[in-house]
N, C-alpha and C. Protein backbone atom coordinates (compact mmCIF):
# COMPACT_ATOMS: atom_id res chain seq x y z
N MET A 1 66.50 7.66 -16.00
CA MET A 1 67.41 6.46 -16.05
C MET A 1 68.05 6.71 -17.57
N ILE A 2 67.45 7.15 -18.55
CA ILE A 2 68.08 7.32 -19.62
C ILE A 2 69.29 8.74 -19.73
N ARG A 3 68.74 9.57 -18.82
CA ARG A 3 69.66 10.76 -18.62
C ARG A 3 70.98 10.27 -18.01
N LEU A 4 70.80 9.35 -17.03
CA LEU A 4 71.98 8.69 -16.19
C LEU A 4 72.89 7.73 -17.13
N VAL A 5 72.50 7.27 -17.97
CA VAL A 5 73.20 6.49 -18.70
C VAL A 5 73.79 7.22 -20.17
N LEU A 6 73.02 8.18 -20.40
CA LEU A 6 73.76 9.04 -21.58
C LEU A 6 74.65 10.06 -20.83
N SER A 7 74.50 10.39 -19.68
CA SER A 7 75.69 11.12 -18.82
C SER A 7 76.92 10.43 -18.68
N ALA A 8 76.77 9.24 -18.36
CA ALA A 8 77.85 8.41 -18.13
C ALA A 8 78.60 7.94 -19.60
N ALA A 9 77.90 7.87 -20.65
CA ALA A 9 78.50 7.53 -21.92
C ALA A 9 79.34 8.92 -22.45
N VAL A 10 78.51 9.87 -22.22
CA VAL A 10 79.25 11.39 -22.42
C VAL A 10 80.65 11.44 -21.84
N VAL A 11 80.48 11.31 -20.34
CA VAL A 11 81.76 11.35 -19.70
C VAL A 11 82.72 10.33 -20.08
N SER A 12 82.56 9.23 -20.26
CA SER A 12 83.46 8.31 -20.71
C SER A 12 84.11 8.82 -22.08
N PHE A 13 83.26 9.27 -23.04
CA PHE A 13 83.83 9.50 -24.32
C PHE A 13 84.99 10.82 -23.79
N GLY A 14 84.23 11.85 -22.93
CA GLY A 14 85.23 12.94 -22.55
C GLY A 14 86.43 12.75 -22.16
N PHE A 15 86.56 11.47 -21.40
CA PHE A 15 87.74 11.39 -20.82
C PHE A 15 88.82 10.80 -21.83
N GLN A 16 88.28 10.08 -22.99
CA GLN A 16 88.92 9.61 -24.09
C GLN A 16 89.48 10.70 -25.02
N ALA A 17 88.95 11.81 -25.03
CA ALA A 17 88.95 12.89 -25.90
C ALA A 17 90.29 13.61 -25.86
N SER A 18 91.05 14.21 -26.59
CA SER A 18 92.26 14.94 -26.32
C SER A 18 91.85 16.50 -26.59
N ALA A 19 92.24 17.08 -25.59
CA ALA A 19 91.92 18.57 -25.60
C ALA A 19 93.25 19.27 -25.62
N ALA A 20 94.11 18.78 -26.53
CA ALA A 20 95.45 19.62 -26.53
C ALA A 20 95.05 20.93 -27.21
N GLY A 21 95.87 21.68 -26.72
CA GLY A 21 95.84 23.09 -27.05
C GLY A 21 94.42 24.08 -26.67
N ALA A 22 93.27 23.15 -26.20
CA ALA A 22 92.15 23.64 -25.91
C ALA A 22 92.19 24.62 -24.88
N LYS A 23 91.58 25.78 -24.70
CA LYS A 23 91.38 26.78 -23.64
C LYS A 23 90.02 26.33 -22.92
N GLU A 24 90.37 25.56 -21.90
CA GLU A 24 89.22 24.91 -21.10
C GLU A 24 89.30 25.39 -19.85
N ALA A 25 88.04 25.64 -19.13
CA ALA A 25 87.74 25.92 -17.59
C ALA A 25 87.39 24.99 -16.94
N PRO A 26 87.25 25.15 -15.58
CA PRO A 26 87.00 24.18 -14.63
C PRO A 26 85.72 23.68 -14.59
N TRP A 27 84.61 24.50 -15.30
CA TRP A 27 83.21 24.02 -15.16
C TRP A 27 82.71 23.91 -16.52
N CYS A 28 81.75 23.17 -16.79
CA CYS A 28 80.95 22.90 -17.99
C CYS A 28 79.63 23.03 -17.79
N ALA A 29 78.79 23.52 -18.83
CA ALA A 29 77.35 23.49 -18.58
C ALA A 29 77.12 22.32 -19.75
N VAL A 30 76.34 21.39 -19.10
CA VAL A 30 76.21 20.43 -20.06
C VAL A 30 74.76 20.39 -20.44
N ILE A 31 74.39 20.72 -21.73
CA ILE A 31 73.10 21.10 -22.33
C ILE A 31 72.63 19.79 -23.15
N GLU A 32 71.35 19.49 -23.15
CA GLU A 32 70.47 18.73 -23.74
C GLU A 32 69.96 19.26 -24.91
N THR A 33 70.50 19.04 -26.25
CA THR A 33 69.91 19.81 -27.51
C THR A 33 68.71 18.98 -27.83
N SER A 34 68.79 17.68 -27.63
CA SER A 34 67.69 16.54 -27.90
C SER A 34 67.85 15.74 -27.08
N LYS A 35 67.18 14.52 -27.17
CA LYS A 35 67.07 13.32 -26.20
C LYS A 35 68.44 12.48 -26.44
N GLU A 36 68.76 12.53 -27.66
CA GLU A 36 70.08 11.82 -27.98
C GLU A 36 71.24 12.65 -28.10
N SER A 37 71.30 14.07 -28.05
CA SER A 37 72.27 14.83 -28.25
C SER A 37 72.78 15.54 -27.03
N VAL A 38 73.90 15.94 -26.59
CA VAL A 38 74.44 16.66 -25.60
C VAL A 38 75.64 17.24 -25.88
N TYR A 39 75.62 18.61 -25.52
CA TYR A 39 76.67 19.68 -25.91
C TYR A 39 77.29 19.96 -24.52
N TRP A 40 78.74 20.01 -24.45
CA TRP A 40 79.49 20.32 -23.32
C TRP A 40 79.96 21.86 -23.84
N ASP A 41 79.49 22.94 -22.85
CA ASP A 41 79.99 24.29 -22.71
C ASP A 41 80.82 24.45 -21.72
N CYS A 42 82.25 24.28 -21.94
CA CYS A 42 83.34 24.15 -20.81
C CYS A 42 83.87 25.86 -20.85
N GLN A 43 83.46 26.76 -20.50
CA GLN A 43 83.92 28.12 -20.39
C GLN A 43 83.80 28.74 -19.00
N TYR A 44 83.23 28.05 -18.02
CA TYR A 44 82.83 28.76 -16.72
C TYR A 44 83.94 28.27 -15.74
N ARG A 45 84.43 29.44 -14.95
CA ARG A 45 85.54 29.46 -13.98
C ARG A 45 85.11 28.98 -12.57
N SER A 46 83.63 28.85 -12.34
CA SER A 46 83.19 28.57 -11.28
C SER A 46 81.51 27.92 -11.44
N ILE A 47 81.04 26.99 -10.37
CA ILE A 47 79.66 26.56 -10.70
C ILE A 47 78.90 27.69 -10.58
N GLU A 48 79.00 28.60 -10.00
CA GLU A 48 78.13 30.01 -9.96
C GLU A 48 78.04 30.80 -11.26
N GLU A 49 79.15 30.81 -11.87
CA GLU A 49 79.02 31.22 -13.42
C GLU A 49 78.42 30.29 -14.24
N CYS A 50 78.26 29.25 -14.09
CA CYS A 50 77.72 28.12 -14.97
C CYS A 50 76.15 28.26 -14.72
N ARG A 51 75.47 27.97 -13.46
CA ARG A 51 73.99 27.99 -13.25
C ARG A 51 73.45 28.95 -14.11
N PRO A 52 73.46 30.07 -14.07
CA PRO A 52 72.40 30.75 -14.74
C PRO A 52 72.42 30.35 -16.31
N HIS A 53 73.48 29.90 -16.80
CA HIS A 53 73.27 29.44 -18.24
C HIS A 53 72.23 28.22 -18.55
N ILE A 54 72.12 27.29 -17.36
CA ILE A 54 71.30 26.09 -17.65
C ILE A 54 70.08 26.31 -16.74
N LEU A 55 69.76 27.30 -15.98
CA LEU A 55 68.78 27.69 -15.27
C LEU A 55 67.83 28.35 -16.32
N ALA A 56 68.37 29.15 -17.09
CA ALA A 56 67.56 30.11 -17.87
C ALA A 56 66.80 29.17 -18.96
N GLY A 57 66.97 28.13 -19.60
CA GLY A 57 65.92 27.45 -20.01
C GLY A 57 65.83 25.89 -19.60
N ASN A 58 66.28 25.70 -18.23
CA ASN A 58 66.03 24.27 -17.48
C ASN A 58 66.53 23.10 -18.46
N ARG A 59 67.60 23.38 -19.21
CA ARG A 59 67.86 22.35 -20.23
C ARG A 59 69.21 21.64 -19.97
N GLY A 60 69.71 21.48 -18.87
CA GLY A 60 71.02 20.88 -18.39
C GLY A 60 71.31 20.95 -17.19
N TRP A 61 72.62 20.89 -16.90
CA TRP A 61 73.18 20.83 -15.60
C TRP A 61 74.84 21.16 -15.73
N CYS A 62 75.07 21.54 -14.66
CA CYS A 62 76.84 21.99 -14.48
C CYS A 62 77.43 20.89 -14.01
N ASN A 63 78.78 20.71 -14.57
CA ASN A 63 79.51 19.57 -14.19
C ASN A 63 81.05 19.91 -14.27
N PRO A 64 81.82 19.28 -13.49
CA PRO A 64 83.19 19.50 -13.48
C PRO A 64 83.78 19.34 -14.97
N SER A 65 84.73 19.85 -15.59
CA SER A 65 85.35 19.78 -16.91
C SER A 65 86.03 18.45 -16.85
N PRO A 66 85.90 17.45 -17.85
CA PRO A 66 86.78 16.48 -18.00
C PRO A 66 88.27 16.81 -18.55
N TYR A 67 88.13 17.92 -19.15
CA TYR A 67 89.21 18.37 -19.89
C TYR A 67 90.18 19.16 -19.13
N TYR A 68 89.79 19.73 -18.18
CA TYR A 68 90.46 20.87 -17.19
C TYR A 68 91.61 20.39 -16.62
N VAL A 69 92.96 20.97 -16.59
CA VAL A 69 94.00 20.61 -16.06
C VAL A 69 94.47 21.87 -15.22
N ALA A 70 94.49 21.71 -13.76
CA ALA A 70 94.81 23.10 -12.91
C ALA A 70 96.21 23.20 -13.22
N PRO A 71 96.45 24.48 -13.11
CA PRO A 71 98.04 24.92 -13.41
C PRO A 71 98.86 24.48 -12.13
N SER A 72 100.02 24.07 -12.19
CA SER A 72 100.66 23.72 -11.24
C SER A 72 101.45 24.85 -10.38
N GLU A 73 101.55 24.62 -9.20
CA GLU A 73 102.01 25.71 -8.34
C GLU A 73 103.54 25.74 -8.38
N ARG A 74 104.11 27.13 -8.45
CA ARG A 74 105.22 27.26 -8.68
C ARG A 74 105.99 27.26 -7.34
N ARG A 75 106.74 26.42 -7.16
CA ARG A 75 107.65 26.18 -5.75
C ARG A 75 108.82 27.24 -5.65
N ARG A 76 108.86 27.83 -4.77
CA ARG A 76 109.98 28.79 -4.08
C ARG A 76 111.27 27.93 -3.93
N PRO A 77 112.40 28.48 -4.59
CA PRO A 77 113.33 27.51 -3.99
C PRO A 77 114.09 27.60 -2.59
N VAL A 78 114.53 26.53 -2.05
CA VAL A 78 114.74 26.68 -0.59
C VAL A 78 115.91 27.15 -0.50
N LYS A 79 116.26 28.06 0.36
CA LYS A 79 117.50 28.66 0.81
C LYS A 79 118.10 27.87 1.68
N ARG A 80 119.26 27.46 1.42
CA ARG A 80 120.04 26.30 2.20
C ARG A 80 121.39 27.42 2.85
N HIS A 81 121.57 27.20 4.09
CA HIS A 81 122.56 27.91 4.59
C HIS A 81 123.75 26.75 4.72
N ARG A 82 124.82 27.30 4.50
CA ARG A 82 125.96 26.82 4.51
C ARG A 82 126.73 26.82 6.06
N ALA A 83 127.24 25.86 6.42
CA ALA A 83 127.75 25.96 7.67
C ALA A 83 129.18 26.64 7.56
N GLN A 84 129.67 27.38 8.30
CA GLN A 84 130.93 28.01 8.28
C GLN A 84 131.76 27.45 9.09
């Protein structure tokens, strides 16, 4: 129960924090350093990349990054044919 409340608080603070200029990846290892302290390590491109880092010590979990913004797709210009 405490873990759930702590996770919700961390996520809510994470959405309020500004990540301007930060190089973030789509996945984070959320690591408990103590009962009251949680560290978000957001450097993983996939959940598969994240899992070994949290399973090694059974000390956390993987979570989608609240800071990551996916790059927008470049649209190709539409070629319009003129009627002659």
